[in-house]
């Protein structure tokens, strides 16, 4: 991986003959710094779409997972809400409520 490359992060699980779940985001690789162990990259999310929390059993999330989801949704709302109005904005606000 090199700075500037776009990567797809696609965690998922599938139950044969039953169902499957996949969450996909595109990220861009960015320089994160150099240490005695070498050069490191970080990811910046490019695709900003809410994760449908109606499909999540929120009680099963630990604090770190809940924080990540809420931070992600706050970022999505902050970046996209200035571009929307009316029912589209209302939809985004409803789908990015903290859990």
PDB file of N, CA and C in Angstrom:
ATOM      1  N   UNK A   1       0.835  -1.172   0.000  1.00  0.00           N
ATOM      2  CA  UNK A   1       0.000   0.000   0.000  1.00  0.00           C
ATOM      3  C   UNK A   1       0.884   1.241   0.000  1.00  0.00           C
ATOM      4  N   UNK A   2       0.428   2.241  -0.742  1.00  0.00           N
ATOM      5  CA  UNK A   2       1.165   3.493  -0.840  1.00  0.00           C
ATOM      6  C   UNK A   2       0.224   4.667  -0.593  1.00  0.00           C
ATOM      7  N   UNK A   3       0.756   5.812  -0.141  1.00  0.00           N
ATOM      8  CA  UNK A   3      -0.088   6.992   0.015  1.00  0.00           C
ATOM      9  C   UNK A   3      -0.806   7.319  -1.297  1.00  0.00           C
ATOM     10  N   UNK A   4      -2.074   7.682  -1.186  1.00  0.00           N
ATOM     11  CA  UNK A   4      -2.869   8.035  -2.360  1.00  0.00           C
ATOM     12  C   UNK A   4      -3.665   6.885  -2.944  1.00  0.00           C
ATOM     13  N   UNK A   5      -3.326   5.651  -2.585  1.00  0.00           N
ATOM     14  CA  UNK A   5      -4.097   4.504  -3.089  1.00  0.00           C
ATOM     15  C   UNK A   5      -5.454   4.460  -2.391  1.00  0.00           C
ATOM     16  N   UNK A   6      -6.461   4.026  -3.133  1.00  0.00           N
ATOM     17  CA  UNK A   6      -7.801   3.860  -2.577  1.00  0.00           C
ATOM     18  C   UNK A   6      -8.017   2.379  -2.309  1.00  0.00           C
ATOM     19  N   UNK A   7      -8.521   2.082  -1.121  1.00  0.00           N
ATOM     20  CA  UNK A   7      -8.722   0.716  -0.665  1.00  0.00           C
ATOM     21  C   UNK A   7     -10.176   0.538  -0.261  1.00  0.00           C
ATOM     22  N   UNK A   8     -10.712  -0.644  -0.473  1.00  0.00           N
ATOM     23  CA  UNK A   8     -12.063  -0.975  -0.037  1.00  0.00           C
ATOM     24  C   UNK A   8     -11.977  -1.810   1.235  1.00  0.00           C
ATOM     25  N   UNK A   9     -12.641  -1.337   2.283  1.00  0.00           N
ATOM     26  CA  UNK A   9     -12.727  -2.091   3.538  1.00  0.00           C
ATOM     27  C   UNK A   9     -14.119  -2.704   3.573  1.00  0.00           C
ATOM     28  N   UNK A  10     -14.188  -4.025   3.629  1.00  0.00           N
ATOM     29  CA  UNK A  10     -15.469  -4.722   3.473  1.00  0.00           C
ATOM     30  C   UNK A  10     -15.684  -5.808   4.520  1.00  0.00           C
ATOM     31  N   UNK A  11     -15.808  -5.446   5.794  1.00  0.00           N
ATOM     32  CA  UNK A  11     -16.093  -6.504   6.768  1.00  0.00           C
ATOM     33  C   UNK A  11     -17.472  -7.095   6.511  1.00  0.00           C
ATOM     34  N   UNK A  12     -17.588  -8.382   6.683  1.00  0.00           N
ATOM     35  CA  UNK A  12     -18.876  -9.023   6.454  1.00  0.00           C
ATOM     36  C   UNK A  12     -18.921 -10.413   7.034  1.00  0.00           C
ATOM     37  N   UNK A  13     -20.115 -10.949   7.077  1.00  0.00           N
ATOM     38  CA  UNK A  13     -20.322 -12.327   7.497  1.00  0.00           C
ATOM     39  C   UNK A  13     -21.480 -12.897   6.699  1.00  0.00           C
ATOM     40  N   UNK A  14     -21.406 -14.166   6.408  1.00  0.00           N
ATOM     41  CA  UNK A  14     -22.458 -14.824   5.628  1.00  0.00           C
ATOM     42  C   UNK A  14     -22.834 -16.141   6.282  1.00  0.00           C
ATOM     43  N   UNK A  15     -24.117 -16.403   6.337  1.00  0.00           N
ATOM     44  CA  UNK A  15     -24.649 -17.672   6.826  1.00  0.00           C
ATOM     45  C   UNK A  15     -25.257 -18.375   5.623  1.00  0.00           C
ATOM     46  N   UNK A  16     -24.588 -19.417   5.104  1.00  0.00           N
ATOM     47  CA  UNK A  16     -25.057 -20.092   3.889  1.00  0.00           C
ATOM     48  C   UNK A  16     -26.535 -20.473   3.964  1.00  0.00           C
ATOM     49  N   UNK A  17     -27.269 -20.077   2.925  1.00  0.00           N
ATOM     50  CA  UNK A  17     -28.691 -20.395   2.846  1.00  0.00           C
ATOM     51  C   UNK A  17     -29.569 -19.567   3.761  1.00  0.00           C
ATOM     52  N   UNK A  18     -28.982 -18.627   4.504  1.00  0.00           N
ATOM     53  CA  UNK A  18     -29.766 -17.842   5.454  1.00  0.00           C
ATOM     54  C   UNK A  18     -29.695 -16.349   5.156  1.00  0.00           C
ATOM     55  N   UNK A  19     -28.513 -15.745   5.347  1.00  0.00           N
ATOM     56  CA  UNK A  19     -28.384 -14.311   5.163  1.00  0.00           C
ATOM     57  C   UNK A  19     -26.916 -13.912   5.139  1.00  0.00           C
ATOM     58  N   UNK A  20     -26.690 -12.667   4.807  1.00  0.00           N
ATOM     59  CA  UNK A  20     -25.341 -12.124   4.822  1.00  0.00           C
ATOM     60  C   UNK A  20     -25.377 -10.638   5.115  1.00  0.00           C
ATOM     61  N   UNK A  21     -24.298 -10.152   5.669  1.00  0.00           N
ATOM     62  CA  UNK A  21     -24.179  -8.736   5.987  1.00  0.00           C
ATOM     63  C   UNK A  21     -22.793  -8.274   5.550  1.00  0.00           C
ATOM     64  N   UNK A  22     -22.746  -7.161   4.867  1.00  0.00           N
ATOM     65  CA  UNK A  22     -21.455  -6.582   4.490  1.00  0.00           C
ATOM     66  C   UNK A  22     -21.571  -5.064   4.581  1.00  0.00           C
ATOM     67  N   UNK A  23     -20.579  -4.461   5.192  1.00  0.00           N
ATOM     68  CA  UNK A  23     -20.479  -3.004   5.259  1.00  0.00           C
ATOM     69  C   UNK A  23     -19.232  -2.634   4.475  1.00  0.00           C
ATOM     70  N   UNK A  24     -19.374  -1.752   3.500  1.00  0.00           N
ATOM     71  CA  UNK A  24     -18.243  -1.412   2.640  1.00  0.00           C
ATOM     72  C   UNK A  24     -18.001   0.087   2.638  1.00  0.00           C
ATOM     73  N   UNK A  25     -16.757   0.461   2.859  1.00  0.00           N
ATOM     74  CA  UNK A  25     -16.325   1.852   2.756  1.00  0.00           C
ATOM     75  C   UNK A  25     -15.072   1.923   1.907  1.00  0.00           C
ATOM     76  N   UNK A  26     -14.962   2.971   1.125  1.00  0.00           N
ATOM     77  CA  UNK A  26     -13.720   3.245   0.416  1.00  0.00           C
ATOM     78  C   UNK A  26     -12.912   4.223   1.256  1.00  0.00           C
ATOM     79  N   UNK A  27     -11.615   3.971   1.348  1.00  0.00           N
ATOM     80  CA  UNK A  27     -10.720   4.839   2.107  1.00  0.00           C
ATOM     81  C   UNK A  27      -9.517   5.181   1.249  1.00  0.00           C
ATOM     82  N   UNK A  28      -8.907   6.311   1.540  1.00  0.00           N
ATOM     83  CA  UNK A  28      -7.669   6.682   0.856  1.00  0.00           C
ATOM     84  C   UNK A  28      -6.521   6.547   1.857  1.00  0.00           C
ATOM     85  N   UNK A  29      -5.446   5.959   1.398  1.00  0.00           N
ATOM     86  CA  UNK A  29      -4.267   5.785   2.240  1.00  0.00           C
ATOM     87  C   UNK A  29      -3.529   7.116   2.339  1.00  0.00           C
ATOM     88  N   UNK A  30      -3.187   7.506   3.571  1.00  0.00           N
ATOM     89  CA  UNK A  30      -2.459   8.753   3.795  1.00  0.00           C
ATOM     90  C   UNK A  30      -1.275   8.500   4.715  1.00  0.00           C
ATOM     91  N   UNK A  31      -0.234   9.289   4.539  1.00  0.00           N
ATOM     92  CA  UNK A  31       0.937   9.155   5.396  1.00  0.00           C
ATOM     93  C   UNK A  31       0.556   9.472   6.838  1.00  0.00           C
ATOM     94  N   UNK A  32       1.006   8.616   7.759  1.00  0.00           N
ATOM     95  CA  UNK A  32       0.706   8.814   9.170  1.00  0.00           C
ATOM     96  C   UNK A  32       1.957   9.113   9.979  1.00  0.00           C
ATOM     97  N   UNK A  33       3.112   8.938   9.385  1.00  0.00           N
ATOM     98  CA  UNK A  33       4.348   9.236  10.096  1.00  0.00           C
ATOM     99  C   UNK A  33       5.348   8.106  10.001  1.00  0.00           C
ATOM    100  N   UNK A  34       6.516   8.376  10.522  1.00  0.00           N
ATOM    101  CA  UNK A  34       7.605   7.407  10.500  1.00  0.00           C
ATOM    102  C   UNK A  34       8.124   7.218  11.916  1.00  0.00           C
ATOM    103  N   UNK A  35       8.390   5.975  12.259  1.00  0.00           N
ATOM    104  CA  UNK A  35       8.980   5.654  13.557  1.00  0.00           C
ATOM    105  C   UNK A  35      10.215   4.797  13.311  1.00  0.00           C
ATOM    106  N   UNK A  36      10.799   4.323  14.367  1.00  0.00           N
ATOM    107  CA  UNK A  36      11.949   3.435  14.230  1.00  0.00           C
ATOM    108  C   UNK A  36      11.573   2.134  13.515  1.00  0.00           C
ATOM    109  N   UNK A  37      10.272   1.831  13.433  1.00  0.00           N
ATOM    110  CA  UNK A  37       9.803   0.609  12.791  1.00  0.00           C
ATOM    111  C   UNK A  37       9.451   0.808  11.322  1.00  0.00           C
ATOM    112  N   UNK A  38       9.504   2.030  10.843  1.00  0.00           N
ATOM    113  CA  UNK A  38       9.238   2.289   9.438  1.00  0.00           C
ATOM    114  C   UNK A  38       8.175   3.346   9.220  1.00  0.00           C
ATOM    115  N   UNK A  39       7.706   3.423   7.972  1.00  0.00           N
ATOM    116  CA  UNK A  39       6.685   4.395   7.588  1.00  0.00           C
ATOM    117  C   UNK A  39       5.304   3.780   7.775  1.00  0.00           C
ATOM    118  N   UNK A  40       4.365   4.589   8.254  1.00  0.00           N
ATOM    119  CA  UNK A  40       3.022   4.105   8.519  1.00  0.00           C
ATOM    120  C   UNK A  40       1.995   4.928   7.754  1.00  0.00           C
ATOM    121  N   UNK A  41       0.877   4.265   7.434  1.00  0.00           N
ATOM    122  CA  UNK A  41      -0.243   4.899   6.749  1.00  0.00           C
ATOM    123  C   UNK A  41      -1.448   4.922   7.668  1.00  0.00           C
ATOM    124  N   UNK A  42      -2.365   5.806   7.369  1.00  0.00           N
ATOM    125  CA  UNK A  42      -3.678   5.827   8.027  1.00  0.00           C
ATOM    126  C   UNK A  42      -4.715   5.887   6.926  1.00  0.00           C
ATOM    127  N   UNK A  43      -5.956   5.626   7.270  1.00  0.00           N
ATOM    128  CA  UNK A  43      -7.040   5.641   6.298  1.00  0.00           C
ATOM    129  C   UNK A  43      -7.957   6.830   6.551  1.00  0.00           C
ATOM    130  N   UNK A  44      -8.354   7.509   5.476  1.00  0.00           N
ATOM    131  CA  UNK A  44      -9.396   8.532   5.555  1.00  0.00           C
ATOM    132  C   UNK A  44     -10.582   8.019   4.755  1.00  0.00           C
ATOM    133  N   UNK A  45     -11.752   7.993   5.378  1.00  0.00           N
ATOM    134  CA  UNK A  45     -12.950   7.482   4.726  1.00  0.00           C
ATOM    135  C   UNK A  45     -13.387   8.411   3.601  1.00  0.00           C
ATOM    136  N   UNK A  46     -13.651   7.829   2.442  1.00  0.00           N
ATOM    137  CA  UNK A  46     -14.121   8.590   1.282  1.00  0.00           C
ATOM    138  C   UNK A  46     -15.631   8.485   1.113  1.00  0.00           C
ATOM    139  N   UNK A  47     -16.182   7.289   1.282  1.00  0.00           N
ATOM    140  CA  UNK A  47     -17.620   7.095   1.104  1.00  0.00           C
ATOM    141  C   UNK A  47     -18.316   7.393   2.422  1.00  0.00           C
ATOM    142  N   UNK A  48     -19.251   8.294   2.377  1.00  0.00           N
ATOM    143  CA  UNK A  48     -19.932   8.735   3.589  1.00  0.00           C
ATOM    144  C   UNK A  48     -21.414   8.402   3.492  1.00  0.00           C
ATOM    145  N   UNK A  49     -21.753   7.257   4.004  1.00  0.00           N
ATOM    146  CA  UNK A  49     -23.139   6.795   4.002  1.00  0.00           C
ATOM    147  C   UNK A  49     -23.432   6.216   5.379  1.00  0.00           C
ATOM    148  N   UNK A  50     -24.568   6.571   5.979  1.00  0.00           N
ATOM    149  CA  UNK A  50     -24.871   6.027   7.299  1.00  0.00           C
ATOM    150  C   UNK A  50     -24.955   4.500   7.273  1.00  0.00           C
ATOM    151  N   UNK A  51     -24.581   3.906   8.386  1.00  0.00           N
ATOM    152  CA  UNK A  51     -24.772   2.472   8.588  1.00  0.00           C
ATOM    153  C   UNK A  51     -26.150   2.312   9.204  1.00  0.00           C
ATOM    154  N   UNK A  52     -26.962   1.437   8.651  1.00  0.00           N
ATOM    155  CA  UNK A  52     -28.347   1.282   9.104  1.00  0.00           C
ATOM    156  C   UNK A  52     -28.384   0.593  10.464  1.00  0.00           C
ATOM    157  N   UNK A  53     -28.569   1.375  11.508  1.00  0.00           N
ATOM    158  CA  UNK A  53     -28.563   0.826  12.864  1.00  0.00           C
ATOM    159  C   UNK A  53     -29.812   0.005  13.175  1.00  0.00           C
ATOM    160  N   UNK A  54     -30.806   0.055  12.307  1.00  0.00           N
ATOM    161  CA  UNK A  54     -31.981  -0.797  12.515  1.00  0.00           C
ATOM    162  C   UNK A  54     -31.613  -2.265  12.360  1.00  0.00           C
ATOM    163  N   UNK A  55     -30.477  -2.527  11.730  1.00  0.00           N
ATOM    164  CA  UNK A  55     -30.010  -3.900  11.515  1.00  0.00           C
ATOM    165  C   UNK A  55     -28.970  -4.316  12.556  1.00  0.00           C
ATOM    166  N   UNK A  56     -28.749  -3.492  13.554  1.00  0.00           N
ATOM    167  CA  UNK A  56     -27.724  -3.764  14.565  1.00  0.00           C
ATOM    168  C   UNK A  56     -28.390  -4.025  15.911  1.00  0.00           C
ATOM    169  N   UNK A  57     -27.950  -5.071  16.581  1.00  0.00           N
ATOM    170  CA  UNK A  57     -28.375  -5.320  17.959  1.00  0.00           C
ATOM    171  C   UNK A  57     -27.439  -4.490  18.844  1.00  0.00           C
ATOM    172  N   UNK A  58     -27.859  -3.252  19.092  1.00  0.00           N
ATOM    173  CA  UNK A  58     -27.000  -2.270  19.755  1.00  0.00           C
ATOM    174  C   UNK A  58     -26.519  -2.762  21.120  1.00  0.00           C
ATOM    175  N   UNK A  59     -27.319  -3.542  21.817  1.00  0.00           N
ATOM    176  CA  UNK A  59     -26.924  -4.031  23.146  1.00  0.00           C
ATOM    177  C   UNK A  59     -25.699  -4.942  23.081  1.00  0.00           C
ATOM    178  N   UNK A  60     -25.372  -5.442  21.895  1.00  0.00           N
ATOM    179  CA  UNK A  60     -24.212  -6.319  21.744  1.00  0.00           C
ATOM    180  C   UNK A  60     -22.926  -5.546  21.455  1.00  0.00           C
ATOM    181  N   UNK A  61     -23.030  -4.242  21.217  1.00  0.00           N
ATOM    182  CA  UNK A  61     -21.841  -3.435  20.950  1.00  0.00           C
ATOM    183  C   UNK A  61     -21.113  -3.126  22.253  1.00  0.00           C
ATOM    184  N   UNK A  62     -19.787  -3.193  22.212  1.00  0.00           N
ATOM    185  CA  UNK A  62     -19.037  -2.732  23.379  1.00  0.00           C
ATOM    186  C   UNK A  62     -18.853  -1.216  23.254  1.00  0.00           C
ATOM    187  N   UNK A  63     -18.273  -0.600  24.264  1.00  0.00           N
ATOM    188  CA  UNK A  63     -18.161   0.863  24.277  1.00  0.00           C
ATOM    189  C   UNK A  63     -17.317   1.388  23.113  1.00  0.00           C
ATOM    190  N   UNK A  64     -16.244   0.692  22.786  1.00  0.00           N
ATOM    191  CA  UNK A  64     -15.385   1.113  21.673  1.00  0.00           C
ATOM    192  C   UNK A  64     -16.144   1.059  20.346  1.00  0.00           C
ATOM    193  N   UNK A  65     -16.925   0.006  20.135  1.00  0.00           N
ATOM    194  CA  UNK A  65     -17.706  -0.126  18.897  1.00  0.00           C
ATOM    195  C   UNK A  65     -18.794   0.936  18.819  1.00  0.00           C
ATOM    196  N   UNK A  66     -19.453   1.177  19.935  1.00  0.00           N
ATOM    197  CA  UNK A  66     -20.509   2.201  19.978  1.00  0.00           C
ATOM    198  C   UNK A  66     -19.914   3.587  19.700  1.00  0.00           C
ATOM    199  N   UNK A  67     -18.780   3.871  20.298  1.00  0.00           N
ATOM    200  CA  UNK A  67     -18.110   5.156  20.082  1.00  0.00           C
ATOM    201  C   UNK A  67     -17.708   5.311  18.624  1.00  0.00           C
ATOM    202  N   UNK A  68     -17.138   4.249  18.027  1.00  0.00           N
ATOM    203  CA  UNK A  68     -16.739   4.323  16.619  1.00  0.00           C
ATOM    204  C   UNK A  68     -17.952   4.624  15.740  1.00  0.00           C
ATOM    205  N   UNK A  69     -19.059   3.911  15.964  1.00  0.00           N
ATOM    206  CA  UNK A  69     -20.264   4.098  15.154  1.00  0.00           C
ATOM    207  C   UNK A  69     -20.813   5.514  15.315  1.00  0.00           C
ATOM    208  N   UNK A  70     -20.886   5.994  16.544  1.00  0.00           N
ATOM    209  CA  UNK A  70     -21.402   7.348  16.776  1.00  0.00           C
ATOM    210  C   UNK A  70     -20.483   8.416  16.185  1.00  0.00           C
ATOM    211  N   UNK A  71     -19.175   8.221  16.305  1.00  0.00           N
ATOM    212  CA  UNK A  71     -18.226   9.172  15.708  1.00  0.00           C
ATOM    213  C   UNK A  71     -18.339   9.171  14.187  1.00  0.00           C
ATOM    214  N   UNK A  72     -18.470   7.979  13.604  1.00  0.00           N
ATOM    215  CA  UNK A  72     -18.615   7.871  12.150  1.00  0.00           C
ATOM    216  C   UNK A  72     -19.882   8.597  11.700  1.00  0.00           C
ATOM    217  N   UNK A  73     -20.994   8.359  12.390  1.00  0.00           N
ATOM    218  CA  UNK A  73     -22.251   9.006  12.009  1.00  0.00           C
ATOM    219  C   UNK A  73     -22.180  10.522  12.197  1.00  0.00           C
ATOM    220  N   UNK A  74     -21.500  10.993  13.230  1.00  0.00           N
ATOM    221  CA  UNK A  74     -21.333  12.440  13.423  1.00  0.00           C
ATOM    222  C   UNK A  74     -20.538  13.036  12.263  1.00  0.00           C
ATOM    223  N   UNK A  75     -19.522  12.314  11.804  1.00  0.00           N
ATOM    224  CA  UNK A  75     -18.714  12.765  10.662  1.00  0.00           C
ATOM    225  C   UNK A  75     -19.555  12.806   9.385  1.00  0.00           C
ATOM    226  N   UNK A  76     -20.338  11.757   9.154  1.00  0.00           N
ATOM    227  CA  UNK A  76     -21.213  11.706   7.975  1.00  0.00           C
ATOM    228  C   UNK A  76     -22.184  12.883   8.002  1.00  0.00           C
ATOM    229  N   UNK A  77     -22.818  13.108   9.135  1.00  0.00           N
ATOM    230  CA  UNK A  77     -23.788  14.200   9.258  1.00  0.00           C
ATOM    231  C   UNK A  77     -23.119  15.560   9.034  1.00  0.00           C
ATOM    232  N   UNK A  78     -21.967  15.774   9.635  1.00  0.00           N
ATOM    233  CA  UNK A  78     -21.277  17.062   9.497  1.00  0.00           C
ATOM    234  C   UNK A  78     -20.865  17.339   8.055  1.00  0.00           C
ATOM    235  N   UNK A  79     -20.410  16.319   7.359  1.00  0.00           N
ATOM    236  CA  UNK A  79     -19.929  16.515   5.984  1.00  0.00           C
ATOM    237  C   UNK A  79     -21.067  16.634   4.974  1.00  0.00           C
ATOM    238  N   UNK A  80     -22.156  15.869   5.173  1.00  0.00           N
ATOM    239  CA  UNK A  80     -23.207  15.824   4.158  1.00  0.00           C
ATOM    240  C   UNK A  80     -24.366  16.782   4.401  1.00  0.00           C
ATOM    241  N   UNK A  81     -24.667  17.101   5.648  1.00  0.00           N
ATOM    242  CA  UNK A  81     -25.855  17.922   5.913  1.00  0.00           C
ATOM    243  C   UNK A  81     -25.817  19.293   5.235  1.00  0.00           C
ATOM    244  N   UNK A  82     -24.659  19.955   5.084  1.00  0.00           N
ATOM    245  CA  UNK A  82     -24.668  21.238   4.379  1.00  0.00           C
ATOM    246  C   UNK A  82     -25.054  21.116   2.901  1.00  0.00           C
ATOM    247  N   UNK A  83     -24.993  19.917   2.366  1.00  0.00           N
ATOM    248  CA  UNK A  83     -25.293  19.700   0.948  1.00  0.00           C
ATOM    249  C   UNK A  83     -26.743  19.289   0.705  1.00  0.00           C
ATOM    250  N   UNK A  84     -27.497  19.075   1.784  1.00  0.00           N
ATOM    251  CA  UNK A  84     -28.858  18.542   1.661  1.00  0.00           C
ATOM    252  C   UNK A  84     -29.877  19.511   2.235  1.00  0.00           C
ATOM    253  N   UNK A  85     -31.134  19.281   1.852  1.00  0.00           N
ATOM    254  CA  UNK A  85     -32.239  20.036   2.426  1.00  0.00           C
ATOM    255  C   UNK A  85     -33.500  19.188   2.359  1.00  0.00           C
ATOM    256  N   UNK A  86     -34.533  19.639   3.023  1.00  0.00           N
ATOM    257  CA  UNK A  86     -35.831  18.975   2.962  1.00  0.00           C
ATOM    258  C   UNK A  86     -35.798  17.540   3.450  1.00  0.00           C
ATOM    259  N   UNK A  87     -36.505  16.673   2.725  1.00  0.00           N
ATOM    260  CA  UNK A  87     -36.640  15.278   3.156  1.00  0.00           C
ATOM    261  C   UNK A  87     -35.307  14.533   3.146  1.00  0.00           C
ATOM    262  N   UNK A  88     -34.408  14.893   2.253  1.00  0.00           N
ATOM    263  CA  UNK A  88     -33.093  14.233   2.230  1.00  0.00           C
ATOM    264  C   UNK A  88     -32.324  14.539   3.518  1.00  0.00           C
ATOM    265  N   UNK A  89     -32.378  15.780   3.973  1.00  0.00           N
ATOM    266  CA  UNK A  89     -31.702  16.159   5.212  1.00  0.00           C
ATOM    267  C   UNK A  89     -32.360  15.479   6.410  1.00  0.00           C
ATOM    268  N   UNK A  90     -33.681  15.446   6.424  1.00  0.00           N
ATOM    269  CA  UNK A  90     -34.391  14.771   7.520  1.00  0.00           C
ATOM    270  C   UNK A  90     -34.026  13.293   7.576  1.00  0.00           C
ATOM    271  N   UNK A  91     -33.931  12.652   6.414  1.00  0.00           N
ATOM    272  CA  UNK A  91     -33.546  11.236   6.358  1.00  0.00           C
ATOM    273  C   UNK A  91     -32.150  11.050   6.943  1.00  0.00           C
ATOM    274  N   UNK A  92     -31.199  11.896   6.528  1.00  0.00           N
ATOM    275  CA  UNK A  92     -29.827  11.781   7.023  1.00  0.00           C
ATOM    276  C   UNK A  92     -29.780  11.979   8.536  1.00  0.00           C
ATOM    277  N   UNK A  93     -30.492  12.960   9.031  1.00  0.00           N
ATOM    278  CA  UNK A  93     -30.506  13.210  10.475  1.00  0.00           C
ATOM    279  C   UNK A  93     -31.069  12.014  11.240  1.00  0.00           C
ATOM    280  N   UNK A  94     -32.111  11.392  10.698  1.00  0.00           N
ATOM    281  CA  UNK A  94     -32.714  10.228  11.357  1.00  0.00           C
ATOM    282  C   UNK A  94     -31.783   9.022  11.347  1.00  0.00           C
ATOM    283  N   UNK A  95     -30.981   8.882  10.306  1.00  0.00           N
ATOM    284  CA  UNK A  95     -30.110   7.710  10.158  1.00  0.00           C
ATOM    285  C   UNK A  95     -28.760   7.873  10.840  1.00  0.00           C
ATOM    286  N   UNK A  96     -28.489   9.062  11.385  1.00  0.00           N
ATOM    287  CA  UNK A  96     -27.195   9.286  12.039  1.00  0.00           C
ATOM    288  C   UNK A  96     -27.350   9.604  13.527  1.00  0.00           C
ATOM    289  N   UNK A  97     -28.499   9.285  14.093  1.00  0.00           N
ATOM    290  CA  UNK A  97     -28.730   9.497  15.523  1.00  0.00           C
ATOM    291  C   UNK A  97     -27.802   8.571  16.315  1.00  0.00           C
ATOM    292  N   UNK A  98     -27.216   9.095  17.381  1.00  0.00           N
ATOM    293  CA  UNK A  98     -26.317   8.293  18.219  1.00  0.00           C
ATOM    294  C   UNK A  98     -27.065   7.120  18.849  1.00  0.00           C
ATOM    295  N   UNK A  99     -26.346   6.007  18.985  1.00  0.00           N
ATOM    296  CA  UNK A  99     -26.936   4.802  19.601  1.00  0.00           C
ATOM    297  C   UNK A  99     -26.415   4.635  21.014  1.00  0.00           C
TER     298      UNK A  99
END
